[in-house]
Amino acid sequence: MGEKNIKEEACSCTPLQTEKLDPIEICINRQSRNYITTEDLLGIINRMVFDEKHSLQIYNMFSEVPVQMIMKLFLNHQIGEAVFKEYYMKYIQPIHPNKELEEMLAYVSI
């Protein structure tokens, strides 16, 4: 089994030309054939819109990706914790609450 087959098994929707797989992209896209990059998903969140086309990936970001990875991702991409918390409270929490994430963001004012 070559590297290309391993990539296909890791996430059937991951573009084959990707040399290094992003674990967050694997996690957010693993249940969908409608691939979105981490950068594009962060743009959706930063703009405070809910894209129905990528709703599964959005929910996966807030429920399947480990909280520490989420926080590191947002800090590395300079998306404010307040924006992240507001997005979560508005779009995610009513449908798919994540208590661990809420505890981590408890100190953030929006």
Protein backbone atom coordinates (compact mmCIF):
# COMPACT_ATOMS: atom_id res chain seq x y z
CA MET A 1 0.00 0.00 0.00
CA GLY A 2 1.54 3.30 -1.08
CA GLU A 3 1.21 6.73 0.49
CA LYS A 4 -1.57 7.69 -1.91
CA ASN A 5 -3.74 4.81 -0.64
CA ILE A 6 -3.09 5.81 2.97
CA LYS A 7 -4.28 9.33 2.19
CA GLU A 8 -7.43 7.98 0.60
CA GLU A 9 -8.14 5.85 3.65
CA ALA A 10 -7.50 8.75 6.03
CA CYS A 11 -10.22 10.82 4.39
CA SER A 12 -11.82 9.87 1.11
CA CYS A 13 -12.59 13.52 0.40
CA THR A 14 -9.05 14.81 0.91
CA PRO A 15 -7.50 16.06 -2.36
CA LEU A 16 -4.82 13.63 -3.46
CA GLN A 17 -2.40 16.42 -4.32
CA THR A 18 -2.11 17.37 -0.65
CA GLU A 19 1.37 16.44 0.55
CA LYS A 20 0.82 16.88 4.28
CA LEU A 21 -2.58 16.14 5.72
CA ASP A 22 -4.00 18.63 8.20
CA PRO A 23 -5.51 16.64 11.10
CA ILE A 24 -8.23 19.27 11.57
CA GLU A 25 -9.23 19.02 7.90
CA ILE A 26 -9.38 15.26 8.20
CA CYS A 27 -11.60 15.54 11.26
CA ILE A 28 -14.00 18.15 9.90
CA ASN A 29 -14.34 16.50 6.49
CA ARG A 30 -14.39 12.82 7.43
CA GLN A 31 -18.18 12.47 7.26
CA SER A 32 -18.71 14.52 4.13
CA ARG A 33 -17.82 14.42 0.47
CA ASN A 34 -18.19 18.21 0.34
CA TYR A 35 -14.57 19.11 1.20
CA ILE A 36 -13.65 22.42 2.83
CA THR A 37 -10.21 23.62 3.87
CA THR A 38 -9.51 24.73 7.40
CA GLU A 39 -8.77 28.23 6.06
CA ASP A 40 -12.16 28.45 4.34
CA LEU A 41 -13.96 27.20 7.43
CA LEU A 42 -12.16 29.78 9.57
CA GLY A 43 -13.28 32.47 7.11
CA ILE A 44 -16.90 31.39 7.52
CA ILE A 45 -16.60 31.57 11.29
CA ASN A 46 -14.74 34.89 11.23
CA ARG A 47 -17.46 36.42 9.01
CA MET A 48 -20.12 35.12 11.45
CA VAL A 49 -22.18 33.36 8.79
CA PHE A 50 -23.60 29.86 8.83
CA ASP A 51 -23.03 28.13 5.51
CA GLU A 52 -25.63 25.36 5.11
CA LYS A 53 -23.49 23.77 2.41
CA HIS A 54 -20.79 23.12 5.00
CA SER A 55 -22.98 22.67 8.09
CA LEU A 56 -21.61 19.20 8.81
CA GLN A 57 -18.03 20.46 8.77
CA ILE A 58 -18.95 23.41 10.98
CA TYR A 59 -20.57 21.12 13.55
CA ASN A 60 -17.59 18.77 13.34
CA MET A 61 -15.22 21.66 14.07
CA PHE A 62 -17.02 22.42 17.31
CA SER A 63 -17.76 18.86 18.41
CA GLU A 64 -15.17 16.46 16.96
CA VAL A 65 -11.93 18.45 16.97
CA PRO A 66 -10.26 18.41 20.41
CA VAL A 67 -10.77 21.69 22.26
CA GLN A 68 -7.04 22.32 22.64
CA MET A 69 -6.56 22.01 18.86
CA ILE A 70 -9.47 24.39 18.24
CA MET A 71 -8.06 27.04 20.56
CA LYS A 72 -4.57 26.71 19.11
CA LEU A 73 -5.99 27.00 15.59
CA PHE A 74 -7.91 30.16 16.38
CA LEU A 75 -5.01 31.76 18.20
CA ASN A 76 -2.63 30.92 15.35
CA HIS A 77 -5.02 32.45 12.81
CA GLN A 78 -5.70 35.54 14.91
CA ILE A 79 -9.41 34.97 15.22
CA GLY A 80 -10.53 36.47 18.50
CA GLU A 81 -11.87 34.19 21.18
CA ALA A 82 -14.92 36.47 21.43
CA VAL A 83 -15.74 35.89 17.75
CA PHE A 84 -15.29 32.17 18.21
CA LYS A 85 -17.49 32.10 21.33
CA GLU A 86 -20.17 34.27 19.74
CA TYR A 87 -20.28 31.99 16.70
CA TYR A 88 -20.52 28.94 18.93
CA MET A 89 -23.28 30.46 21.08
CA LYS A 90 -25.30 31.65 18.08
CA TYR A 91 -25.05 28.71 15.70
CA ILE A 92 -23.69 25.63 17.45
CA GLN A 93 -24.74 25.51 21.09
CA PRO A 94 -28.52 25.35 20.50
CA ILE A 95 -28.10 22.26 18.31
CA HIS A 96 -24.81 20.64 19.30
CA PRO A 97 -23.56 21.84 22.73
CA ASN A 98 -20.00 21.11 23.78
CA LYS A 99 -19.61 21.47 27.57
CA GLU A 100 -15.82 21.17 27.46
CA LEU A 101 -15.61 24.02 24.97
CA GLU A 102 -18.03 26.11 27.02
CA GLU A 103 -15.88 25.62 30.12
CA MET A 104 -12.79 26.70 28.22
CA LEU A 105 -14.53 29.83 26.90
CA ALA A 106 -16.33 30.72 30.15
CA TYR A 107 -13.99 33.66 30.82
CA VAL A 108 -14.46 35.20 27.34
CA SER A 109 -16.84 38.17 27.16
CA ILE A 110 -18.90 38.75 24.04
